[in-house]
Amino acid sequence: VTREEVDCPATRLSQVCAGWRELARSIPILWSDININLYLVPESES
C-alpha cells in the first residue's frame, strides 16, 4: 500500500470467481504480509 496505489494479489485472486474467493480466503498465509508505505514523494502529491 502506497499513497499512489494498492497492490494486493490475494484480493485480485479473490475477485476472479466465487470458487477462487473461497479458496483465497481459506489460506491464511496469503493475508499475512502487508507493507504500508505512505511516505510522500515530493514529485507526486497525489
PDB file of all heavy atoms in Angstrom:
ATOM      1  N   VAL A   1       0.857  -1.176   0.000  1.00  0.00           N
ATOM      2  CA  VAL A   1       0.000   0.000   0.000  1.00  0.00           C
ATOM      3  C   VAL A   1       0.897   1.230   0.000  1.00  0.00           C
ATOM      4  O   VAL A   1       1.738   1.395   0.890  1.00  0.00           O
ATOM      5  CB  VAL A   1      -0.921   0.025   1.242  1.00  0.00           C
ATOM      6  CG1 VAL A   1      -1.787   1.270   1.245  1.00  0.00           C
ATOM      7  CG2 VAL A   1      -1.772  -1.229   1.296  1.00  0.00           C
ATOM      8  N   THR A   2       0.727   2.077  -1.002  1.00  0.00           N
ATOM      9  CA  THR A   2       1.431   3.359  -1.049  1.00  0.00           C
ATOM     10  C   THR A   2       0.385   4.450  -1.238  1.00  0.00           C
ATOM     11  O   THR A   2      -0.800   4.168  -1.415  1.00  0.00           O
ATOM     12  CB  THR A   2       2.450   3.410  -2.211  1.00  0.00           C
ATOM     13  OG1 THR A   2       1.743   3.318  -3.445  1.00  0.00           O
ATOM     14  CG2 THR A   2       3.469   2.291  -2.104  1.00  0.00           C
ATOM     15  N   ARG A   3       0.828   5.669  -1.265  1.00  0.00           N
ATOM     16  CA  ARG A   3      -0.105   6.776  -1.496  1.00  0.00           C
ATOM     17  C   ARG A   3      -0.703   6.717  -2.898  1.00  0.00           C
ATOM     18  O   ARG A   3      -1.814   7.168  -3.112  1.00  0.00           O
ATOM     19  CB  ARG A   3       0.590   8.119  -1.288  1.00  0.00           C
ATOM     20  CG  ARG A   3       0.865   8.416   0.157  1.00  0.00           C
ATOM     21  CD  ARG A   3       1.379   9.838   0.314  1.00  0.00           C
ATOM     22  NE  ARG A   3       1.590  10.150   1.703  1.00  0.00           N
ATOM     23  CZ  ARG A   3       0.716  10.822   2.443  1.00  0.00           C
ATOM     24  NH1 ARG A   3      -0.393  11.233   1.934  1.00  0.00           N
ATOM     25  NH2 ARG A   3       0.977  11.064   3.702  1.00  0.00           N
ATOM     26  N   GLU A   4       0.030   6.158  -3.845  1.00  0.00           N
ATOM     27  CA  GLU A   4      -0.425   6.141  -5.232  1.00  0.00           C
ATOM     28  C   GLU A   4      -1.267   4.919  -5.581  1.00  0.00           C
ATOM     29  O   GLU A   4      -2.123   4.976  -6.447  1.00  0.00           O
ATOM     30  CB  GLU A   4       0.773   6.198  -6.198  1.00  0.00           C
ATOM     31  CG  GLU A   4       1.498   7.524  -6.207  1.00  0.00           C
ATOM     32  CD  GLU A   4       2.492   7.651  -5.054  1.00  0.00           C
ATOM     33  OE1 GLU A   4       2.968   6.621  -4.569  1.00  0.00           O
ATOM     34  OE2 GLU A   4       2.774   8.785  -4.646  1.00  0.00           O
ATOM     35  N   GLU A   5      -1.002   3.773  -4.938  1.00  0.00           N
ATOM     36  CA  GLU A   5      -1.696   2.554  -5.350  1.00  0.00           C
ATOM     37  C   GLU A   5      -1.773   1.529  -4.229  1.00  0.00           C
ATOM     38  O   GLU A   5      -1.042   1.598  -3.256  1.00  0.00           O
ATOM     39  CB  GLU A   5      -1.009   1.924  -6.561  1.00  0.00           C
ATOM     40  CG  GLU A   5       0.363   1.354  -6.255  1.00  0.00           C
ATOM     41  CD  GLU A   5       1.000   0.682  -7.444  1.00  0.00           C
ATOM     42  OE1 GLU A   5       0.279   0.319  -8.380  1.00  0.00           O
ATOM     43  OE2 GLU A   5       2.220   0.521  -7.423  1.00  0.00           O
ATOM     44  N   VAL A   6      -2.658   0.577  -4.431  1.00  0.00           N
ATOM     45  CA  VAL A   6      -2.768  -0.585  -3.562  1.00  0.00           C
ATOM     46  C   VAL A   6      -2.555  -1.803  -4.445  1.00  0.00           C
ATOM     47  O   VAL A   6      -3.271  -2.010  -5.425  1.00  0.00           O
ATOM     48  CB  VAL A   6      -4.164  -0.663  -2.884  1.00  0.00           C
ATOM     49  CG1 VAL A   6      -4.287  -1.946  -2.088  1.00  0.00           C
ATOM     50  CG2 VAL A   6      -4.398   0.544  -2.018  1.00  0.00           C
ATOM     51  N   ASP A   7      -1.544  -2.604  -4.133  1.00  0.00           N
ATOM     52  CA  ASP A   7      -1.254  -3.806  -4.908  1.00  0.00           C
ATOM     53  C   ASP A   7      -1.399  -5.004  -3.979  1.00  0.00           C
ATOM     54  O   ASP A   7      -0.517  -5.285  -3.172  1.00  0.00           O
ATOM     55  CB  ASP A   7       0.151  -3.740  -5.497  1.00  0.00           C
ATOM     56  CG  ASP A   7       0.495  -4.977  -6.309  1.00  0.00           C
ATOM     57  OD1 ASP A   7      -0.432  -5.630  -6.821  1.00  0.00           O
ATOM     58  OD2 ASP A   7       1.694  -5.307  -6.417  1.00  0.00           O
ATOM     59  N   CYS A   8      -2.521  -5.687  -4.096  1.00  0.00           N
ATOM     60  CA  CYS A   8      -2.796  -6.828  -3.219  1.00  0.00           C
ATOM     61  C   CYS A   8      -3.186  -8.032  -4.078  1.00  0.00           C
ATOM     62  O   CYS A   8      -4.345  -8.183  -4.469  1.00  0.00           O
ATOM     63  CB  CYS A   8      -3.903  -6.482  -2.235  1.00  0.00           C
ATOM     64  SG  CYS A   8      -4.126  -7.744  -0.993  1.00  0.00           S
ATOM     65  N   PRO A   9      -2.215  -8.910  -4.380  1.00  0.00           N
ATOM     66  CA  PRO A   9      -2.501 -10.068  -5.225  1.00  0.00           C
ATOM     67  C   PRO A   9      -3.589 -10.987  -4.658  1.00  0.00           C
ATOM     68  O   PRO A   9      -4.386 -11.534  -5.411  1.00  0.00           O
ATOM     69  CB  PRO A   9      -1.162 -10.802  -5.308  1.00  0.00           C
ATOM     70  CG  PRO A   9      -0.130  -9.778  -4.980  1.00  0.00           C
ATOM     71  CD  PRO A   9      -0.795  -8.827  -4.041  1.00  0.00           C
ATOM     72  N   ALA A  10      -3.647 -11.145  -3.345  1.00  0.00           N
ATOM     73  CA  ALA A  10      -4.675 -12.014  -2.748  1.00  0.00           C
ATOM     74  C   ALA A  10      -6.072 -11.477  -3.033  1.00  0.00           C
ATOM     75  O   ALA A  10      -6.996 -12.242  -3.320  1.00  0.00           O
ATOM     76  CB  ALA A  10      -4.447 -12.137  -1.248  1.00  0.00           C
ATOM     77  N   THR A  11      -6.221 -10.161  -2.970  1.00  0.00           N
ATOM     78  CA  THR A  11      -7.522  -9.558  -3.277  1.00  0.00           C
ATOM     79  C   THR A  11      -7.875  -9.754  -4.739  1.00  0.00           C
ATOM     80  O   THR A  11      -9.015 -10.074  -5.068  1.00  0.00           O
ATOM     81  CB  THR A  11      -7.514  -8.055  -2.929  1.00  0.00           C
ATOM     82  OG1 THR A  11      -7.196  -7.918  -1.541  1.00  0.00           O
ATOM     83  CG2 THR A  11      -8.853  -7.414  -3.209  1.00  0.00           C
ATOM     84  N   ARG A  12      -6.895  -9.566  -5.624  1.00  0.00           N
ATOM     85  CA  ARG A  12      -7.164  -9.763  -7.056  1.00  0.00           C
ATOM     86  C   ARG A  12      -7.574 -11.201  -7.342  1.00  0.00           C
ATOM     87  O   ARG A  12      -8.504 -11.444  -8.115  1.00  0.00           O
ATOM     88  CB  ARG A  12      -5.937  -9.379  -7.891  1.00  0.00           C
ATOM     89  CG  ARG A  12      -5.792  -7.886  -8.069  1.00  0.00           C
ATOM     90  CD  ARG A  12      -4.847  -7.549  -9.193  1.00  0.00           C
ATOM     91  NE  ARG A  12      -3.573  -8.231  -9.130  1.00  0.00           N
ATOM     92  CZ  ARG A  12      -2.485  -7.752  -8.543  1.00  0.00           C
ATOM     93  NH1 ARG A  12      -2.505  -6.589  -7.946  1.00  0.00           N
ATOM     94  NH2 ARG A  12      -1.361  -8.446  -8.545  1.00  0.00           N
ATOM     95  N   LEU A  13      -6.889 -12.170  -6.740  1.00  0.00           N
ATOM     96  CA  LEU A  13      -7.268 -13.574  -6.940  1.00  0.00           C
ATOM     97  C   LEU A  13      -8.678 -13.848  -6.433  1.00  0.00           C
ATOM     98  O   LEU A  13      -9.430 -14.600  -7.039  1.00  0.00           O
ATOM     99  CB  LEU A  13      -6.285 -14.502  -6.220  1.00  0.00           C
ATOM    100  CG  LEU A  13      -4.941 -14.723  -6.872  1.00  0.00           C
ATOM    101  CD1 LEU A  13      -4.044 -15.552  -5.962  1.00  0.00           C
ATOM    102  CD2 LEU A  13      -5.088 -15.398  -8.218  1.00  0.00           C
ATOM    103  N   SER A  14      -9.023 -13.228  -5.323  1.00  0.00           N
ATOM    104  CA  SER A  14     -10.348 -13.489  -4.745  1.00  0.00           C
ATOM    105  C   SER A  14     -11.464 -12.832  -5.537  1.00  0.00           C
ATOM    106  O   SER A  14     -12.631 -13.087  -5.279  1.00  0.00           O
ATOM    107  CB  SER A  14     -10.391 -13.042  -3.288  1.00  0.00           C
ATOM    108  OG  SER A  14     -10.271 -11.647  -3.190  1.00  0.00           O
ATOM    109  N   GLN A  15     -11.118 -11.994  -6.513  1.00  0.00           N
ATOM    110  CA  GLN A  15     -12.137 -11.346  -7.335  1.00  0.00           C
ATOM    111  C   GLN A  15     -12.384 -12.071  -8.653  1.00  0.00           C
ATOM    112  O   GLN A  15     -13.231 -11.652  -9.427  1.00  0.00           O
ATOM    113  CB  GLN A  15     -11.725  -9.896  -7.617  1.00  0.00           C
ATOM    114  CG  GLN A  15     -11.740  -9.038  -6.381  1.00  0.00           C
ATOM    115  CD  GLN A  15     -11.154  -7.661  -6.619  1.00  0.00           C
ATOM    116  OE1 GLN A  15     -10.479  -7.414  -7.598  1.00  0.00           O
ATOM    117  NE2 GLN A  15     -11.424  -6.745  -5.691  1.00  0.00           N
ATOM    118  N   VAL A  16     -11.672 -13.167  -8.906  1.00  0.00           N
ATOM    119  CA  VAL A  16     -11.831 -13.891 -10.172  1.00  0.00           C
ATOM    120  C   VAL A  16     -13.177 -14.596 -10.235  1.00  0.00           C
ATOM    121  O   VAL A  16     -13.933 -14.432 -11.191  1.00  0.00           O
ATOM    122  CB  VAL A  16     -10.680 -14.895 -10.385  1.00  0.00           C
ATOM    123  CG1 VAL A  16     -10.943 -15.800 -11.578  1.00  0.00           C
ATOM    124  CG2 VAL A  16      -9.364 -14.152 -10.566  1.00  0.00           C
ATOM    125  N   CYS A  17     -13.489 -15.382  -9.225  1.00  0.00           N
ATOM    126  CA  CYS A  17     -14.768 -16.094  -9.190  1.00  0.00           C
ATOM    127  C   CYS A  17     -15.040 -16.515  -7.749  1.00  0.00           C
ATOM    128  O   CYS A  17     -14.168 -16.397  -6.883  1.00  0.00           O
ATOM    129  CB  CYS A  17     -14.751 -17.314 -10.125  1.00  0.00           C
ATOM    130  SG  CYS A  17     -13.603 -18.610  -9.642  1.00  0.00           S
ATOM    131  N   ALA A  18     -16.227 -17.015  -7.518  1.00  0.00           N
ATOM    132  CA  ALA A  18     -16.621 -17.402  -6.156  1.00  0.00           C
ATOM    133  C   ALA A  18     -15.735 -18.524  -5.608  1.00  0.00           C
ATOM    134  O   ALA A  18     -15.372 -18.512  -4.422  1.00  0.00           O
ATOM    135  CB  ALA A  18     -18.085 -17.816  -6.128  1.00  0.00           C
ATOM    136  N   GLY A  19     -15.375 -19.475  -6.458  1.00  0.00           N
ATOM    137  CA  GLY A  19     -14.521 -20.586  -6.017  1.00  0.00           C
ATOM    138  C   GLY A  19     -13.144 -20.114  -5.591  1.00  0.00           C
ATOM    139  O   GLY A  19     -12.617 -20.535  -4.561  1.00  0.00           O
ATOM    140  N   TRP A  20     -12.561 -19.236  -6.391  1.00  0.00           N
ATOM    141  CA  TRP A  20     -11.240 -18.700  -6.051  1.00  0.00           C
ATOM    142  C   TRP A  20     -11.327 -17.816  -4.815  1.00  0.00           C
ATOM    143  O   TRP A  20     -10.399 -17.773  -4.021  1.00  0.00           O
ATOM    144  CB  TRP A  20     -10.656 -17.936  -7.231  1.00  0.00           C
ATOM    145  CG  TRP A  20     -10.100 -18.824  -8.304  1.00  0.00           C
ATOM    146  CD1 TRP A  20     -10.485 -20.097  -8.605  1.00  0.00           C
ATOM    147  CD2 TRP A  20      -9.055 -18.497  -9.216  1.00  0.00           C
ATOM    148  NE1 TRP A  20      -9.755 -20.567  -9.656  1.00  0.00           N
ATOM    149  CE2 TRP A  20      -8.877 -19.608 -10.063  1.00  0.00           C
ATOM    150  CE3 TRP A  20      -8.287 -17.361  -9.427  1.00  0.00           C
ATOM    151  CZ2 TRP A  20      -7.935 -19.622 -11.080  1.00  0.00           C
ATOM    152  CZ3 TRP A  20      -7.351 -17.378 -10.445  1.00  0.00           C
ATOM    153  CH2 TRP A  20      -7.169 -18.499 -11.255  1.00  0.00           C
ATOM    154  N   ARG A  21     -12.433 -17.081  -4.655  1.00  0.00           N
ATOM    155  CA  ARG A  21     -12.598 -16.238  -3.467  1.00  0.00           C
ATOM    156  C   ARG A  21     -12.616 -17.107  -2.215  1.00  0.00           C
ATOM    157  O   ARG A  21     -11.932 -16.825  -1.237  1.00  0.00           O
ATOM    158  CB  ARG A  21     -13.873 -15.411  -3.570  1.00  0.00           C
ATOM    159  CG  ARG A  21     -14.092 -14.494  -2.387  1.00  0.00           C
ATOM    160  CD  ARG A  21     -15.271 -13.523  -2.542  1.00  0.00           C
ATOM    161  NE  ARG A  21     -16.408 -14.024  -3.270  1.00  0.00           N
ATOM    162  CZ  ARG A  21     -16.673 -13.746  -4.565  1.00  0.00           C
ATOM    163  NH1 ARG A  21     -15.867 -12.978  -5.253  1.00  0.00           N
ATOM    164  NH2 ARG A  21     -17.744 -14.239  -5.150  1.00  0.00           N
ATOM    165  N   GLU A  22     -13.382 -18.182  -2.245  1.00  0.00           N
ATOM    166  CA  GLU A  22     -13.444 -19.086  -1.096  1.00  0.00           C
ATOM    167  C   GLU A  22     -12.074 -19.665  -0.781  1.00  0.00           C
ATOM    168  O   GLU A  22     -11.671 -19.724   0.378  1.00  0.00           O
ATOM    169  CB  GLU A  22     -14.423 -20.231  -1.376  1.00  0.00           C
ATOM    170  CG  GLU A  22     -15.855 -19.913  -1.094  1.00  0.00           C
ATOM    171  CD  GLU A  22     -16.726 -21.139  -1.309  1.00  0.00           C
ATOM    172  OE1 GLU A  22     -16.395 -22.209  -0.769  1.00  0.00           O
ATOM    173  OE2 GLU A  22     -17.720 -21.012  -2.034  1.00  0.00           O
ATOM    174  N   LEU A  23     -11.377 -20.114  -1.840  1.00  0.00           N
ATOM    175  CA  LEU A  23     -10.067 -20.717  -1.640  1.00  0.00           C
ATOM    176  C   LEU A  23      -9.069 -19.688  -1.105  1.00  0.00           C
ATOM    177  O   LEU A  23      -8.359 -19.959  -0.135  1.00  0.00           O
ATOM    178  CB  LEU A  23      -9.551 -21.323  -2.955  1.00  0.00           C
ATOM    179  CG  LEU A  23      -8.204 -22.032  -2.873  1.00  0.00           C
ATOM    180  CD1 LEU A  23      -8.260 -23.185  -1.875  1.00  0.00           C
ATOM    181  CD2 LEU A  23      -7.779 -22.530  -4.242  1.00  0.00           C
ATOM    182  N   ALA A  24      -9.016 -18.513  -1.703  1.00  0.00           N
ATOM    183  CA  ALA A  24      -8.070 -17.480  -1.255  1.00  0.00           C
ATOM    184  C   ALA A  24      -8.345 -17.070   0.189  1.00  0.00           C
ATOM    185  O   ALA A  24      -7.416 -16.885   0.975  1.00  0.00           O
ATOM    186  CB  ALA A  24      -8.139 -16.265  -2.183  1.00  0.00           C
ATOM    187  N   ARG A  25      -9.607 -16.945   0.541  1.00  0.00           N
ATOM    188  CA  ARG A  25      -9.956 -16.548   1.907  1.00  0.00           C
ATOM    189  C   ARG A  25      -9.668 -17.654   2.921  1.00  0.00           C
ATOM    190  O   ARG A  25      -9.572 -17.395   4.113  1.00  0.00           O
ATOM    191  CB  ARG A  25     -11.418 -16.122   1.977  1.00  0.00           C
ATOM    192  CG  ARG A  25     -11.684 -14.826   1.207  1.00  0.00           C
ATOM    193  CD  ARG A  25     -13.158 -14.478   1.192  1.00  0.00           C
ATOM    194  NE  ARG A  25     -13.662 -14.126   2.511  1.00  0.00           N
ATOM    195  CZ  ARG A  25     -13.673 -12.897   3.012  1.00  0.00           C
ATOM    196  NH1 ARG A  25     -13.200 -11.897   2.302  1.00  0.00           N
ATOM    197  NH2 ARG A  25     -14.163 -12.665   4.213  1.00  0.00           N
ATOM    198  N   SER A  26      -9.503 -18.886   2.451  1.00  0.00           N
ATOM    199  CA  SER A  26      -9.239 -20.005   3.367  1.00  0.00           C
ATOM    200  C   SER A  26      -7.746 -20.272   3.560  1.00  0.00           C
ATOM    201  O   SER A  26      -7.380 -21.158   4.319  1.00  0.00           O
ATOM    202  CB  SER A  26      -9.923 -21.275   2.848  1.00  0.00           C
ATOM    203  OG  SER A  26      -9.249 -21.750   1.694  1.00  0.00           O
ATOM    204  N   ILE A  27      -6.884 -19.500   2.890  1.00  0.00           N
ATOM    205  CA  ILE A  27      -5.438 -19.691   3.004  1.00  0.00           C
ATOM    206  C   ILE A  27      -4.851 -18.512   3.786  1.00  0.00           C
ATOM    207  O   ILE A  27      -4.603 -17.447   3.226  1.00  0.00           O
ATOM    208  CB  ILE A  27      -4.779 -19.787   1.601  1.00  0.00           C
ATOM    209  CG1 ILE A  27      -5.439 -20.879   0.767  1.00  0.00           C
ATOM    210  CG2 ILE A  27      -3.284 -20.029   1.733  1.00  0.00           C
ATOM    211  CD1 ILE A  27      -5.019 -20.877  -0.683  1.00  0.00           C
ATOM    212  N   PRO A  28      -4.626 -18.677   5.080  1.00  0.00           N
ATOM    213  CA  PRO A  28      -4.183 -17.558   5.925  1.00  0.00           C
ATOM    214  C   PRO A  28      -2.863 -16.923   5.484  1.00  0.00           C
ATOM    215  O   PRO A  28      -2.682 -15.718   5.604  1.00  0.00           O
ATOM    216  CB  PRO A  28      -4.039 -18.192   7.318  1.00  0.00           C
ATOM    217  CG  PRO A  28      -4.888 -19.405   7.282  1.00  0.00           C
ATOM    218  CD  PRO A  28      -4.862 -19.882   5.862  1.00  0.00           C
ATOM    219  N   ILE A  29      -1.951 -17.711   4.944  1.00  0.00           N
ATOM    220  CA  ILE A  29      -0.637 -17.181   4.577  1.00  0.00           C
ATOM    221  C   ILE A  29      -0.726 -16.102   3.493  1.00  0.00           C
ATOM    222  O   ILE A  29       0.121 -15.220   3.413  1.00  0.00           O
ATOM    223  CB  ILE A  29       0.317 -18.338   4.151  1.00  0.00           C
ATOM    224  CG1 ILE A  29       1.764 -17.863   4.104  1.00  0.00           C
ATOM    225  CG2 ILE A  29      -0.077 -18.910   2.815  1.00  0.00           C
ATOM    226  CD1 ILE A  29       2.390 -17.727   5.443  1.00  0.00           C
ATOM    227  N   LEU A  30      -1.771 -16.136   2.677  1.00  0.00           N
ATOM    228  CA  LEU A  30      -1.931 -15.125   1.628  1.00  0.00           C
ATOM    229  C   LEU A  30      -2.184 -13.741   2.217  1.00  0.00           C
ATOM    230  O   LEU A  30      -1.921 -12.730   1.576  1.00  0.00           O
ATOM    231  CB  LEU A  30      -3.103 -15.481   0.704  1.00  0.00           C
ATOM    232  CG  LEU A  30      -3.053 -16.790  -0.062  1.00  0.00           C
ATOM    233  CD1 LEU A  30      -4.256 -16.906  -0.975  1.00  0.00           C
ATOM    234  CD2 LEU A  30      -1.775 -16.927  -0.842  1.00  0.00           C
ATOM    235  N   TRP A  31      -2.708 -13.699   3.421  1.00  0.00           N
ATOM    236  CA  TRP A  31      -3.146 -12.446   4.034  1.00  0.00           C
ATOM    237  C   TRP A  31      -2.221 -12.002   5.173  1.00  0.00           C
ATOM    238  O   TRP A  31      -2.551 -11.094   5.930  1.00  0.00           O
ATOM    239  CB  TRP A  31      -4.567 -12.621   4.567  1.00  0.00           C
ATOM    240  CG  TRP A  31      -5.499 -13.118   3.528  1.00  0.00           C
ATOM    241  CD1 TRP A  31      -5.861 -14.414   3.293  1.00  0.00           C
ATOM    242  CD2 TRP A  31      -6.173 -12.347   2.538  1.00  0.00           C
ATOM    243  NE1 TRP A  31      -6.709 -14.482   2.227  1.00  0.00           N
ATOM    244  CE2 TRP A  31      -6.927 -13.232   1.742  1.00  0.00           C
ATOM    245  CE3 TRP A  31      -6.217 -10.984   2.245  1.00  0.00           C
ATOM    246  CZ2 TRP A  31      -7.709 -12.806   0.680  1.00  0.00           C
ATOM    247  CZ3 TRP A  31      -6.998 -10.551   1.182  1.00  0.00           C
ATOM    248  CH2 TRP A  31      -7.726 -11.449   0.418  1.00  0.00           C
ATOM    249  N   SER A  32      -1.052 -12.633   5.304  1.00  0.00           N
ATOM    250  CA  SER A  32      -0.220 -12.374   6.476  1.00  0.00           C
ATOM    251  C   SER A  32       0.933 -11.398   6.239  1.00  0.00           C
ATOM    252  O   SER A  32       1.754 -11.204   7.118  1.00  0.00           O
ATOM    253  CB  SER A  32       0.338 -13.702   6.999  1.00  0.00           C
ATOM    254  OG  SER A  32       1.177 -14.283   6.024  1.00  0.00           O
ATOM    255  N   ASP A  33       1.016 -10.775   5.073  1.00  0.00           N
ATOM    256  CA  ASP A  33       2.126  -9.869   4.781  1.00  0.00           C
ATOM    257  C   ASP A  33       1.595  -8.558   4.194  1.00  0.00           C
ATOM    258  O   ASP A  33       0.998  -8.553   3.120  1.00  0.00           O
ATOM    259  CB  ASP A  33       3.079 -10.548   3.795  1.00  0.00           C
ATOM    260  CG  ASP A  33       4.359  -9.756   3.586  1.00  0.00           C
ATOM    261  OD1 ASP A  33       4.628  -8.830   4.370  1.00  0.00           O
ATOM    262  OD2 ASP A  33       5.084 -10.071   2.627  1.00  0.00           O
ATOM    263  N   ILE A  34       1.787  -7.469   4.922  1.00  0.00           N
ATOM    264  CA  ILE A  34       1.308  -6.157   4.474  1.00  0.00           C
ATOM    265  C   ILE A  34       2.463  -5.162   4.582  1.00  0.00           C
ATOM    266  O   ILE A  34       3.134  -5.086   5.612  1.00  0.00           O
ATOM    267  CB  ILE A  34       0.144  -5.634   5.348  1.00  0.00           C
ATOM    268  CG1 ILE A  34      -0.955  -6.670   5.480  1.00  0.00           C
ATOM    269  CG2 ILE A  34      -0.410  -4.345   4.774  1.00  0.00           C
ATOM    270  CD1 ILE A  34      -1.972  -6.305   6.522  1.00  0.00           C
ATOM    271  N   ASN A  35       2.659  -4.388   3.532  1.00  0.00           N
ATOM    272  CA  ASN A  35       3.671  -3.346   3.525  1.00  0.00           C
ATOM    273  C   ASN A  35       2.974  -2.026   3.232  1.00  0.00           C
ATOM    274  O   ASN A  35       2.479  -1.811   2.128  1.00  0.00           O
ATOM    275  CB  ASN A  35       4.739  -3.651   2.466  1.00  0.00           C
ATOM    276  CG  ASN A  35       5.864  -2.639   2.475  1.00  0.00           C
ATOM    277  OD1 ASN A  35       5.746  -1.552   3.011  1.00  0.00           O
ATOM    278  ND2 ASN A  35       6.974  -3.020   1.871  1.00  0.00           N
ATOM    279  N   ILE A  36       2.925  -1.148   4.229  1.00  0.00           N
ATOM    280  CA  ILE A  36       2.257   0.145   4.070  1.00  0.00           C
ATOM    281  C   ILE A  36       3.323   1.231   4.084  1.00  0.00           C
ATOM    282  O   ILE A  36       4.003   1.433   5.087  1.00  0.00           O
ATOM    283  CB  ILE A  36       1.221   0.389   5.192  1.00  0.00           C
ATOM    284  CG1 ILE A  36       0.161  -0.702   5.161  1.00  0.00           C
ATOM    285  CG2 ILE A  36       0.594   1.769   5.046  1.00  0.00           C
ATOM    286  CD1 ILE A  36      -0.822  -0.647   6.296  1.00  0.00           C
ATOM    287  N   ASN A  37       3.472   1.896   2.959  1.00  0.00           N
ATOM    288  CA  ASN A  37       4.466   2.952   2.819  1.00  0.00           C
ATOM    289  C   ASN A  37       3.749   4.218   2.371  1.00  0.00           C
ATOM    290  O   ASN A  37       3.428   4.373   1.205  1.00  0.00           O
ATOM    291  CB  ASN A  37       5.534   2.549   1.803  1.00  0.00           C
ATOM    292  CG  ASN A  37       6.619   3.588   1.667  1.00  0.00           C
ATOM    293  OD1 ASN A  37       6.589   4.614   2.316  1.00  0.00           O
ATOM    294  ND2 ASN A  37       7.582   3.303   0.818  1.00  0.00           N
ATOM    295  N   LEU A  38       3.519   5.124   3.301  1.00  0.00           N
ATOM    296  CA  LEU A  38       2.794   6.353   2.985  1.00  0.00           C
ATOM    297  C   LEU A  38       3.725   7.558   2.904  1.00  0.00           C
ATOM    298  O   LEU A  38       3.294   8.696   3.014  1.00  0.00           O
ATOM    299  CB  LEU A  38       1.686   6.594   4.024  1.00  0.00           C
ATOM    300  CG  LEU A  38       0.637   5.506   4.083  1.00  0.00           C
ATOM    301  CD1 LEU A  38      -0.404   5.836   5.141  1.00  0.00           C
ATOM    302  CD2 LEU A  38      -0.031   5.302   2.740  1.00  0.00           C
ATOM    303  N   TYR A  39       5.002   7.298   2.710  1.00  0.00           N
ATOM    304  CA  TYR A  39       5.974   8.371   2.544  1.00  0.00           C
ATOM    305  C   TYR A  39       5.609   9.156   1.293  1.00  0.00           C
ATOM    306  O   TYR A  39       5.416   8.584   0.223  1.00  0.00           O
ATOM    307  CB  TYR A  39       7.378   7.790   2.424  1.00  0.00           C
ATOM    308  CG  TYR A  39       8.434   8.831   2.152  1.00  0.00           C
ATOM    309  CD1 TYR A  39       8.820   9.723   3.140  1.00  0.00           C
ATOM    310  CD2 TYR A  39       9.042   8.913   0.912  1.00  0.00           C
ATOM    311  CE1 TYR A  39       9.785  10.683   2.901  1.00  0.00           C
ATOM    312  CE2 TYR A  39      10.013   9.865   0.657  1.00  0.00           C
ATOM    313  CZ  TYR A  39      10.374  10.740   1.657  1.00  0.00           C
ATOM    314  OH  TYR A  39      11.323  11.691   1.410  1.00  0.00           O
ATOM    315  N   LEU A  40       5.503  10.454   1.413  1.00  0.00           N
ATOM    316  CA  LEU A  40       5.087  11.299   0.295  1.00  0.00           C
ATOM    317  C   LEU A  40       6.300  11.688  -0.536  1.00  0.00           C
ATOM    318  O   LEU A  40       7.202  12.375  -0.056  1.00  0.00           O
ATOM    319  CB  LEU A  40       4.369  12.549   0.797  1.00  0.00           C
ATOM    320  CG  LEU A  40       3.756  13.445  -0.259  1.00  0.00           C
ATOM    321  CD1 LEU A  40       2.716  12.673  -1.074  1.00  0.00           C
ATOM    322  CD2 LEU A  40       3.089  14.638   0.363  1.00  0.00           C
ATOM    323  N   VAL A  41       6.323  11.242  -1.767  1.00  0.00           N
ATOM    324  CA  VAL A  41       7.386  11.598  -2.697  1.00  0.00           C
ATOM    325  C   VAL A  41       7.124  13.025  -3.175  1.00  0.00           C
ATOM    326  O   VAL A  41       6.011  13.336  -3.598  1.00  0.00           O
ATOM    327  CB  VAL A  41       7.405  10.618  -3.899  1.00  0.00           C
ATOM    328  CG1 VAL A  41       8.509  10.986  -4.863  1.00  0.00           C
ATOM    329  CG2 VAL A  41       7.552   9.197  -3.406  1.00  0.00           C
ATOM    330  N   PRO A  42       8.120  13.917  -3.124  1.00  0.00           N
ATOM    331  CA  PRO A  42       7.878  15.321  -3.481  1.00  0.00           C
ATOM    332  C   PRO A  42       7.296  15.531  -4.875  1.00  0.00           C
ATOM    333  O   PRO A  42       6.470  16.399  -5.072  1.00  0.00           O
ATOM    334  CB  PRO A  42       9.277  15.954  -3.378  1.00  0.00           C
ATOM    335  CG  PRO A  42      10.060  15.048  -2.507  1.00  0.00           C
ATOM    336  CD  PRO A  42       9.475  13.684  -2.669  1.00  0.00           C
ATOM    337  N   GLU A  43       7.725  14.730  -5.859  1.00  0.00           N
ATOM    338  CA  GLU A  43       7.197  14.906  -7.220  1.00  0.00           C
ATOM    339  C   GLU A  43       5.738  14.484  -7.331  1.00  0.00           C
ATOM    340  O   GLU A  43       5.012  14.910  -8.197  1.00  0.00           O
ATOM    341  CB  GLU A  43       8.004  14.091  -8.246  1.00  0.00           C
ATOM    342  CG  GLU A  43       9.471  14.378  -8.283  1.00  0.00           C
ATOM    343  CD  GLU A  43      10.249  13.502  -7.314  1.00  0.00           C
ATOM    344  OE1 GLU A  43       9.957  12.305  -7.224  1.00  0.00           O
ATOM    345  OE2 GLU A  43      11.143  14.024  -6.646  1.00  0.00           O
ATOM    346  N   SER A  44       5.322  13.591  -6.451  1.00  0.00           N
ATOM    347  CA  SER A  44       3.968  13.046  -6.535  1.00  0.00           C
ATOM    348  C   SER A  44       3.163  13.474  -5.315  1.00  0.00           C
ATOM    349  O   SER A  44       3.335  12.936  -4.235  1.00  0.00           O
ATOM    350  CB  SER A  44       4.028  11.514  -6.609  1.00  0.00           C
ATOM    351  OG  SER A  44       2.757  10.971  -6.488  1.00  0.00           O
ATOM    352  N   GLU A  45       2.305  14.438  -5.496  1.00  0.00           N
ATOM    353  CA  GLU A  45       1.480  14.941  -4.404  1.00  0.00           C
ATOM    354  C   GLU A  45       0.124  14.235  -4.338  1.00  0.00           C
ATOM    355  O   GLU A  45      -0.694  14.556  -3.515  1.00  0.00           O
ATOM    356  CB  GLU A  45       1.255  16.457  -4.560  1.00  0.00           C
ATOM    357  CG  GLU A  45       2.537  17.269  -4.480  1.00  0.00           C
ATOM    358  CD  GLU A  45       3.096  17.339  -3.067  1.00  0.00           C
ATOM    359  OE1 GLU A  45       2.298  17.322  -2.117  1.00  0.00           O
ATOM    360  OE2 GLU A  45       4.322  17.413  -2.923  1.00  0.00           O
ATOM    361  N   SER A  46      -0.116  13.273  -5.231  1.00  0.00           N
ATOM    362  CA  SER A  46      -1.430  12.617  -5.258  1.00  0.00           C
ATOM    363  C   SER A  46      -1.562  11.655  -4.080  1.00  0.00           C
ATOM    364  O   SER A  46      -0.602  11.051  -3.641  1.00  0.00           O
ATOM    365  CB  SER A  46      -1.622  11.856  -6.570  1.00  0.00           C
ATOM    366  OG  SER A  46      -0.707  10.794  -6.653  1.00  0.00           O
TER     367      SER A  46
END
